[in-house]
Each structure stands twice: as C-alpha cells, then as structure tokens.
Amino acid sequence: MFGLIGKFTAKAGTRDELGSILLEGIGGMPGCLSYVVATDPADENALWITEVWDSRESHEGSLKLPSVQDAIKRGRPLIEGMEMVATTSPIGGHGLA
C-alpha cells in the first residue's frame, strides 16, 4: 500500500469551498482505499488530506482522471499553500483491504 498525508492552506474564507471540491468525485478512483479530508480546529484555513492507495501507481493514475483534473482546476485558485507532510507505507487499519 501507499499513503500520503498533505496539508492545504486555503485562501481566507474559502476553506469550506475547497474542502467540498476535494471531496467531489472521489468514489471513482481505482485503487483508493481511503481518502479523508479534515478541517484543522487550530487553523481556520487549513485542510488535512490523508490518503491510502493499493499502490503508488494507482495514486499517480488518479491524477490523470477527468474528475480529479477538474477538481484541481477549480480548487487551485482557492489554495494559498500546499505541503506534502509525509508519504507512508500503511500496514493495515479499519476499513482498509
């Protein structure tokens, strides 16, 4: 498995809109075992994204999907900053295959 933890900082007042965009169309991502978008209670502009994939290749392939490309296009103007916090090698967990 392949995992990612990232942090997006939205432009002031756009966090909820950005979060909604990031959650649209996630059901059709082959190989995605878990995709969680969460707000940060200590930062009104921050979103945390935690992803688990069956492989790195599945994640890379997802970036080419039309729904993901559309989300990137619509979300990019709302993003103040992006940070890749960590890549991980998940070993299991609740809800994972």
Protein backbone atom coordinates (compact mmCIF):
# COMPACT_ATOMS: atom_id res chain seq x y z
CA MET A 1 0.00 0.00 0.00
CA PHE A 2 0.95 3.64 -0.45
CA GLY A 3 -0.13 6.54 1.74
CA LEU A 4 0.04 10.31 1.72
CA ILE A 5 -0.61 12.99 4.31
CA GLY A 6 -0.88 16.52 2.99
CA LYS A 7 -1.91 19.94 4.20
CA PHE A 8 -3.66 22.53 2.07
CA THR A 9 -3.96 26.10 3.26
CA ALA A 10 -6.95 27.78 1.67
CA LYS A 11 -7.18 31.48 0.97
CA ALA A 12 -9.06 33.24 3.77
CA GLY A 13 -12.75 32.36 3.78
CA THR A 14 -12.54 29.60 1.15
CA ARG A 15 -11.70 26.51 3.24
CA ASP A 16 -15.20 25.01 3.11
CA GLU A 17 -15.47 25.55 -0.65
CA LEU A 18 -12.05 23.99 -1.22
CA GLY A 19 -12.95 21.05 1.02
CA SER A 20 -16.12 20.43 -0.99
CA ILE A 21 -14.19 20.47 -4.25
CA LEU A 22 -11.64 17.99 -2.87
CA LEU A 23 -14.44 15.60 -1.91
CA GLU A 24 -16.30 15.65 -5.23
CA GLY A 25 -15.93 12.63 -7.46
CA ILE A 26 -13.69 10.62 -5.15
CA GLY A 27 -15.79 7.46 -5.49
CA GLY A 28 -14.38 6.61 -8.90
CA MET A 29 -10.68 6.49 -8.07
CA PRO A 30 -9.43 2.95 -8.77
CA GLY A 31 -7.12 1.67 -6.06
CA CYS A 32 -8.13 4.28 -3.48
CA LEU A 33 -8.70 2.52 -0.16
CA SER A 34 -9.19 5.65 1.95
CA TYR A 35 -9.43 9.38 1.21
CA VAL A 36 -10.16 11.69 4.12
CA VAL A 37 -10.40 15.49 4.07
CA ALA A 38 -10.45 17.10 7.52
CA THR A 39 -10.51 20.64 8.86
CA ASP A 40 -7.89 21.77 11.35
CA PRO A 41 -9.51 23.06 14.55
CA ALA A 42 -6.43 25.22 15.27
CA ASP A 43 -6.27 26.87 11.81
CA GLU A 44 -9.41 28.19 10.12
CA ASN A 45 -7.77 27.99 6.69
CA ALA A 46 -6.15 24.53 6.86
CA LEU A 47 -7.31 21.20 5.46
CA TRP A 48 -5.58 17.86 6.08
CA ILE A 49 -5.81 15.18 3.39
CA THR A 50 -4.99 11.59 4.32
CA GLU A 51 -4.93 9.03 1.51
CA VAL A 52 -4.32 5.29 1.32
CA TRP A 53 -3.89 3.57 -2.04
CA ASP A 54 -3.27 -0.01 -3.07
CA SER A 55 -0.11 1.22 -4.83
CA ARG A 56 1.84 4.34 -5.74
CA GLU A 57 0.89 3.69 -9.37
CA SER A 58 -2.83 3.88 -8.54
CA HIS A 59 -2.31 7.25 -6.89
CA GLU A 60 -0.33 8.57 -9.85
CA GLY A 61 -3.01 7.28 -12.22
CA SER A 62 -5.73 9.06 -10.26
CA LEU A 63 -4.15 12.42 -11.06
CA LYS A 64 -4.99 11.83 -14.73
CA LEU A 65 -8.70 11.16 -14.16
CA PRO A 66 -11.01 13.84 -15.64
CA SER A 67 -12.82 14.31 -12.30
CA VAL A 68 -9.52 14.86 -10.49
CA GLN A 69 -8.20 17.19 -13.19
CA ASP A 70 -11.43 19.21 -12.91
CA ALA A 71 -11.11 19.42 -9.11
CA ILE A 72 -7.50 20.60 -9.46
CA LYS A 73 -8.53 23.26 -11.96
CA ARG A 74 -11.39 24.55 -9.77
CA GLY A 75 -9.51 24.26 -6.48
CA ARG A 76 -6.18 25.79 -7.47
CA PRO A 77 -7.39 29.45 -7.24
CA LEU A 78 -8.55 28.81 -3.65
CA ILE A 79 -5.20 27.43 -2.44
CA GLU A 80 -2.76 29.67 -0.60
CA GLY A 81 -0.27 26.86 0.06
CA MET A 82 0.28 23.11 -0.16
CA GLU A 83 2.54 20.93 1.91
CA MET A 84 3.31 17.23 1.49
CA VAL A 85 3.74 16.26 5.12
CA ALA A 86 4.59 12.59 4.59
CA THR A 87 4.40 9.59 2.35
CA THR A 88 3.68 6.40 4.24
CA SER A 89 3.60 2.63 3.80
CA PRO A 90 0.34 1.60 5.50
CA ILE A 91 0.28 -1.87 7.03
CA GLY A 92 -3.47 -2.00 7.73
CA GLY A 93 -6.29 -0.42 9.63
CA HIS A 94 -10.05 -0.27 9.92
CA GLY A 95 -11.76 -0.09 6.55
CA LEU A 96 -8.64 -0.97 4.56
CA ALA A 97 -8.39 -4.04 2.39
